[in-house]
Amino acid sequence: MQMQLRFKIHECHRKFIMQKFGRLWRSHKSELSRKIRPHGKSAKLAHNIVLTKPDNVEMVEWKAFVKQRTSKEFKVSFLIEIL
């Protein structure tokens, strides 16, 4: 999902607003990751992943997100970050 909206923001507020959006976006991605993680070992993975897909996300984008978040590379990079 690609968002391109324009807002008129006074320059002194821009940094705060962009930081806030960044925190909210990372938090949202983390919440989605937590929803799909328990299904990672399930035999019905594909069915469960479809059920957890948010309504405002296209299936192609959701599958790419799930593939990236359940990959070995992501798990390793996640573990390195928290250590």
N, C-alpha and C. Protein backbone atom coordinates (compact mmCIF):
# COMPACT_ATOMS: atom_id res chain seq x y z
N MET A 1 0.85 -1.16 0.00
CA MET A 1 0.00 0.00 0.00
C MET A 1 0.90 1.23 0.00
N GLN A 2 0.68 2.07 -0.94
CA GLN A 2 1.48 3.27 -1.05
C GLN A 2 0.61 4.48 -0.78
N MET A 3 1.04 5.30 0.15
CA MET A 3 0.26 6.49 0.50
C MET A 3 1.01 7.73 0.04
N GLN A 4 0.31 8.58 -0.65
CA GLN A 4 0.90 9.84 -1.05
C GLN A 4 -0.14 10.93 -0.81
N LEU A 5 -0.06 11.52 0.35
CA LEU A 5 -0.95 12.61 0.71
C LEU A 5 -0.08 13.83 0.99
N ARG A 6 -0.65 14.98 0.79
CA ARG A 6 0.09 16.21 1.07
C ARG A 6 -0.67 17.02 2.10
N PHE A 7 0.08 17.51 3.07
CA PHE A 7 -0.47 18.36 4.11
C PHE A 7 0.40 19.61 4.22
N LYS A 8 -0.23 20.69 4.54
CA LYS A 8 0.53 21.91 4.79
C LYS A 8 0.85 21.94 6.28
N ILE A 9 2.13 21.76 6.58
CA ILE A 9 2.59 21.69 7.97
C ILE A 9 3.67 22.74 8.15
N HIS A 10 3.55 23.50 9.20
CA HIS A 10 4.59 24.48 9.51
C HIS A 10 5.88 23.73 9.78
N GLU A 11 6.97 24.26 9.27
CA GLU A 11 8.27 23.58 9.35
C GLU A 11 8.68 23.23 10.79
N CYS A 12 8.29 24.04 11.76
CA CYS A 12 8.71 23.76 13.14
C CYS A 12 8.00 22.52 13.71
N HIS A 13 6.90 22.08 13.09
CA HIS A 13 6.16 20.90 13.56
C HIS A 13 6.48 19.64 12.75
N ARG A 14 7.13 19.84 11.62
CA ARG A 14 7.38 18.73 10.69
C ARG A 14 8.14 17.56 11.33
N LYS A 15 9.23 17.84 12.02
CA LYS A 15 10.05 16.77 12.61
C LYS A 15 9.24 15.95 13.61
N PHE A 16 8.51 16.62 14.49
CA PHE A 16 7.70 15.91 15.48
C PHE A 16 6.66 15.02 14.80
N ILE A 17 5.96 15.56 13.82
CA ILE A 17 4.91 14.81 13.12
C ILE A 17 5.49 13.61 12.40
N MET A 18 6.61 13.78 11.72
CA MET A 18 7.22 12.66 10.99
C MET A 18 7.71 11.58 11.95
N GLN A 19 8.26 11.97 13.10
CA GLN A 19 8.69 10.99 14.09
C GLN A 19 7.49 10.22 14.64
N LYS A 20 6.40 10.94 14.89
CA LYS A 20 5.18 10.30 15.41
C LYS A 20 4.64 9.30 14.39
N PHE A 21 4.56 9.71 13.11
CA PHE A 21 4.09 8.80 12.07
C PHE A 21 5.00 7.57 11.97
N GLY A 22 6.30 7.77 12.08
CA GLY A 22 7.24 6.66 12.03
C GLY A 22 7.02 5.67 13.16
N ARG A 23 6.83 6.18 14.38
CA ARG A 23 6.57 5.29 15.53
C ARG A 23 5.27 4.54 15.34
N LEU A 24 4.23 5.23 14.89
CA LEU A 24 2.93 4.57 14.68
C LEU A 24 3.03 3.50 13.60
N TRP A 25 3.75 3.79 12.51
CA TRP A 25 3.89 2.83 11.42
C TRP A 25 4.65 1.59 11.87
N ARG A 26 5.76 1.78 12.61
CA ARG A 26 6.53 0.64 13.11
C ARG A 26 5.71 -0.18 14.11
N SER A 27 4.94 0.49 14.94
CA SER A 27 4.09 -0.19 15.90
C SER A 27 3.03 -1.03 15.18
N HIS A 28 2.46 -0.47 14.13
CA HIS A 28 1.44 -1.18 13.36
C HIS A 28 2.04 -2.43 12.70
N LYS A 29 3.22 -2.30 12.11
CA LYS A 29 3.86 -3.46 11.48
C LYS A 29 4.18 -4.52 12.53
N SER A 30 4.61 -4.10 13.71
CA SER A 30 4.91 -5.07 14.78
C SER A 30 3.66 -5.81 15.22
N GLU A 31 2.56 -5.08 15.33
CA GLU A 31 1.30 -5.71 15.71
C GLU A 31 0.87 -6.75 14.67
N LEU A 32 1.00 -6.41 13.40
CA LEU A 32 0.67 -7.38 12.35
C LEU A 32 1.59 -8.59 12.42
N SER A 33 2.86 -8.37 12.69
CA SER A 33 3.81 -9.48 12.80
C SER A 33 3.43 -10.41 13.94
N ARG A 34 3.00 -9.84 15.07
CA ARG A 34 2.58 -10.67 16.20
C ARG A 34 1.36 -11.52 15.84
N LYS A 35 0.50 -10.99 15.00
CA LYS A 35 -0.70 -11.75 14.62
C LYS A 35 -0.35 -12.94 13.75
N ILE A 36 0.66 -12.81 12.89
CA ILE A 36 0.98 -13.93 11.99
C ILE A 36 1.99 -14.89 12.59
N ARG A 37 2.77 -14.45 13.56
CA ARG A 37 3.81 -15.30 14.14
C ARG A 37 3.25 -16.59 14.75
N PRO A 38 2.16 -16.57 15.52
CA PRO A 38 1.66 -17.82 16.10
C PRO A 38 1.23 -18.84 15.06
N HIS A 39 0.88 -18.37 13.87
CA HIS A 39 0.44 -19.27 12.82
C HIS A 39 1.60 -19.85 12.02
N GLY A 40 2.81 -19.41 12.31
CA GLY A 40 3.98 -19.81 11.53
C GLY A 40 4.23 -21.31 11.49
N LYS A 41 3.87 -22.03 12.54
CA LYS A 41 4.13 -23.47 12.58
C LYS A 41 2.88 -24.29 12.28
N SER A 42 1.79 -23.62 12.00
CA SER A 42 0.53 -24.29 11.77
C SER A 42 0.49 -24.96 10.40
N ALA A 43 -0.16 -26.11 10.35
CA ALA A 43 -0.34 -26.80 9.08
C ALA A 43 -1.28 -26.03 8.17
N LYS A 44 -2.12 -25.22 8.76
CA LYS A 44 -3.09 -24.44 7.99
C LYS A 44 -2.61 -23.00 7.83
N LEU A 45 -1.32 -22.83 7.62
CA LEU A 45 -0.72 -21.50 7.57
C LEU A 45 -1.42 -20.59 6.57
N ALA A 46 -1.61 -21.04 5.35
CA ALA A 46 -2.19 -20.18 4.31
C ALA A 46 -3.59 -19.72 4.70
N HIS A 47 -4.39 -20.61 5.23
CA HIS A 47 -5.76 -20.26 5.63
C HIS A 47 -5.75 -19.24 6.77
N ASN A 48 -4.90 -19.46 7.77
CA ASN A 48 -4.82 -18.55 8.91
C ASN A 48 -4.30 -17.17 8.50
N ILE A 49 -3.34 -17.14 7.59
CA ILE A 49 -2.78 -15.87 7.14
C ILE A 49 -3.85 -15.05 6.42
N VAL A 50 -4.68 -15.70 5.63
CA VAL A 50 -5.75 -15.00 4.94
C VAL A 50 -6.74 -14.42 5.95
N LEU A 51 -7.02 -15.14 7.01
CA LEU A 51 -7.96 -14.65 8.02
C LEU A 51 -7.43 -13.45 8.80
N THR A 52 -6.11 -13.34 8.92
CA THR A 52 -5.54 -12.23 9.67
C THR A 52 -5.27 -10.99 8.81
N LYS A 53 -5.50 -11.08 7.51
CA LYS A 53 -5.23 -9.96 6.61
C LYS A 53 -6.15 -8.79 6.93
N PRO A 54 -5.58 -7.61 7.12
CA PRO A 54 -6.42 -6.42 7.35
C PRO A 54 -7.23 -6.11 6.09
N ASP A 55 -8.40 -5.55 6.28
CA ASP A 55 -9.30 -5.23 5.16
C ASP A 55 -8.71 -4.20 4.20
N ASN A 56 -7.89 -3.31 4.70
CA ASN A 56 -7.37 -2.23 3.86
C ASN A 56 -6.06 -2.56 3.16
N VAL A 57 -5.68 -3.84 3.13
CA VAL A 57 -4.43 -4.27 2.49
C VAL A 57 -4.76 -5.25 1.37
N GLU A 58 -4.14 -5.02 0.22
CA GLU A 58 -4.32 -5.92 -0.93
C GLU A 58 -3.67 -7.28 -0.62
N MET A 59 -4.24 -8.34 -1.16
CA MET A 59 -3.74 -9.70 -0.91
C MET A 59 -2.29 -9.86 -1.37
N VAL A 60 -1.93 -9.28 -2.50
CA VAL A 60 -0.55 -9.39 -3.00
C VAL A 60 0.42 -8.75 -2.01
N GLU A 61 0.06 -7.58 -1.50
CA GLU A 61 0.92 -6.90 -0.53
C GLU A 61 0.98 -7.67 0.78
N TRP A 62 -0.14 -8.25 1.21
CA TRP A 62 -0.18 -9.02 2.45
C TRP A 62 0.70 -10.26 2.35
N LYS A 63 0.62 -10.96 1.23
CA LYS A 63 1.44 -12.16 1.05
C LYS A 63 2.93 -11.80 1.06
N ALA A 64 3.29 -10.67 0.44
CA ALA A 64 4.69 -10.24 0.44
C ALA A 64 5.14 -9.89 1.86
N PHE A 65 4.29 -9.22 2.62
CA PHE A 65 4.60 -8.88 4.01
C PHE A 65 4.80 -10.14 4.84
N VAL A 66 3.88 -11.08 4.71
CA VAL A 66 3.96 -12.34 5.48
C VAL A 66 5.21 -13.11 5.10
N LYS A 67 5.50 -13.18 3.81
CA LYS A 67 6.69 -13.90 3.35
C LYS A 67 7.95 -13.28 3.94
N GLN A 68 8.01 -11.95 3.94
CA GLN A 68 9.18 -11.25 4.48
C GLN A 68 9.28 -11.46 5.99
N ARG A 69 8.17 -11.35 6.71
CA ARG A 69 8.19 -11.44 8.17
C ARG A 69 8.38 -12.86 8.69
N THR A 70 8.10 -13.87 7.87
CA THR A 70 8.28 -15.25 8.30
C THR A 70 9.56 -15.88 7.75
N SER A 71 10.36 -15.08 7.03
CA SER A 71 11.59 -15.60 6.44
C SER A 71 12.66 -15.79 7.52
N LYS A 72 13.60 -16.68 7.25
CA LYS A 72 14.70 -16.91 8.18
C LYS A 72 15.55 -15.66 8.33
N GLU A 73 15.76 -14.94 7.23
CA GLU A 73 16.57 -13.73 7.27
C GLU A 73 15.98 -12.70 8.23
N PHE A 74 14.65 -12.55 8.19
CA PHE A 74 14.02 -11.58 9.08
C PHE A 74 14.15 -12.01 10.53
N LYS A 75 13.95 -13.29 10.79
CA LYS A 75 14.06 -13.79 12.16
C LYS A 75 15.46 -13.58 12.71
N VAL A 76 16.48 -13.81 11.88
CA VAL A 76 17.85 -13.61 12.32
C VAL A 76 18.11 -12.12 12.58
N SER A 77 17.67 -11.26 11.66
CA SER A 77 17.92 -9.83 11.86
C SER A 77 17.16 -9.31 13.08
N PHE A 78 15.98 -9.85 13.34
CA PHE A 78 15.21 -9.46 14.52
C PHE A 78 15.93 -9.85 15.80
N LEU A 79 16.48 -11.06 15.82
CA LEU A 79 17.20 -11.53 17.01
C LEU A 79 18.47 -10.71 17.23
N ILE A 80 19.15 -10.34 16.17
CA ILE A 80 20.36 -9.53 16.29
C ILE A 80 20.01 -8.16 16.86
N GLU A 81 18.88 -7.58 16.44
CA GLU A 81 18.46 -6.27 16.92
C GLU A 81 18.18 -6.27 18.42
N ILE A 82 17.55 -7.32 18.91
CA ILE A 82 17.17 -7.31 20.33
C ILE A 82 18.32 -7.72 21.26
N LEU A 83 19.37 -8.28 20.70
CA LEU A 83 20.53 -8.65 21.52
C LEU A 83 21.45 -7.52 21.62
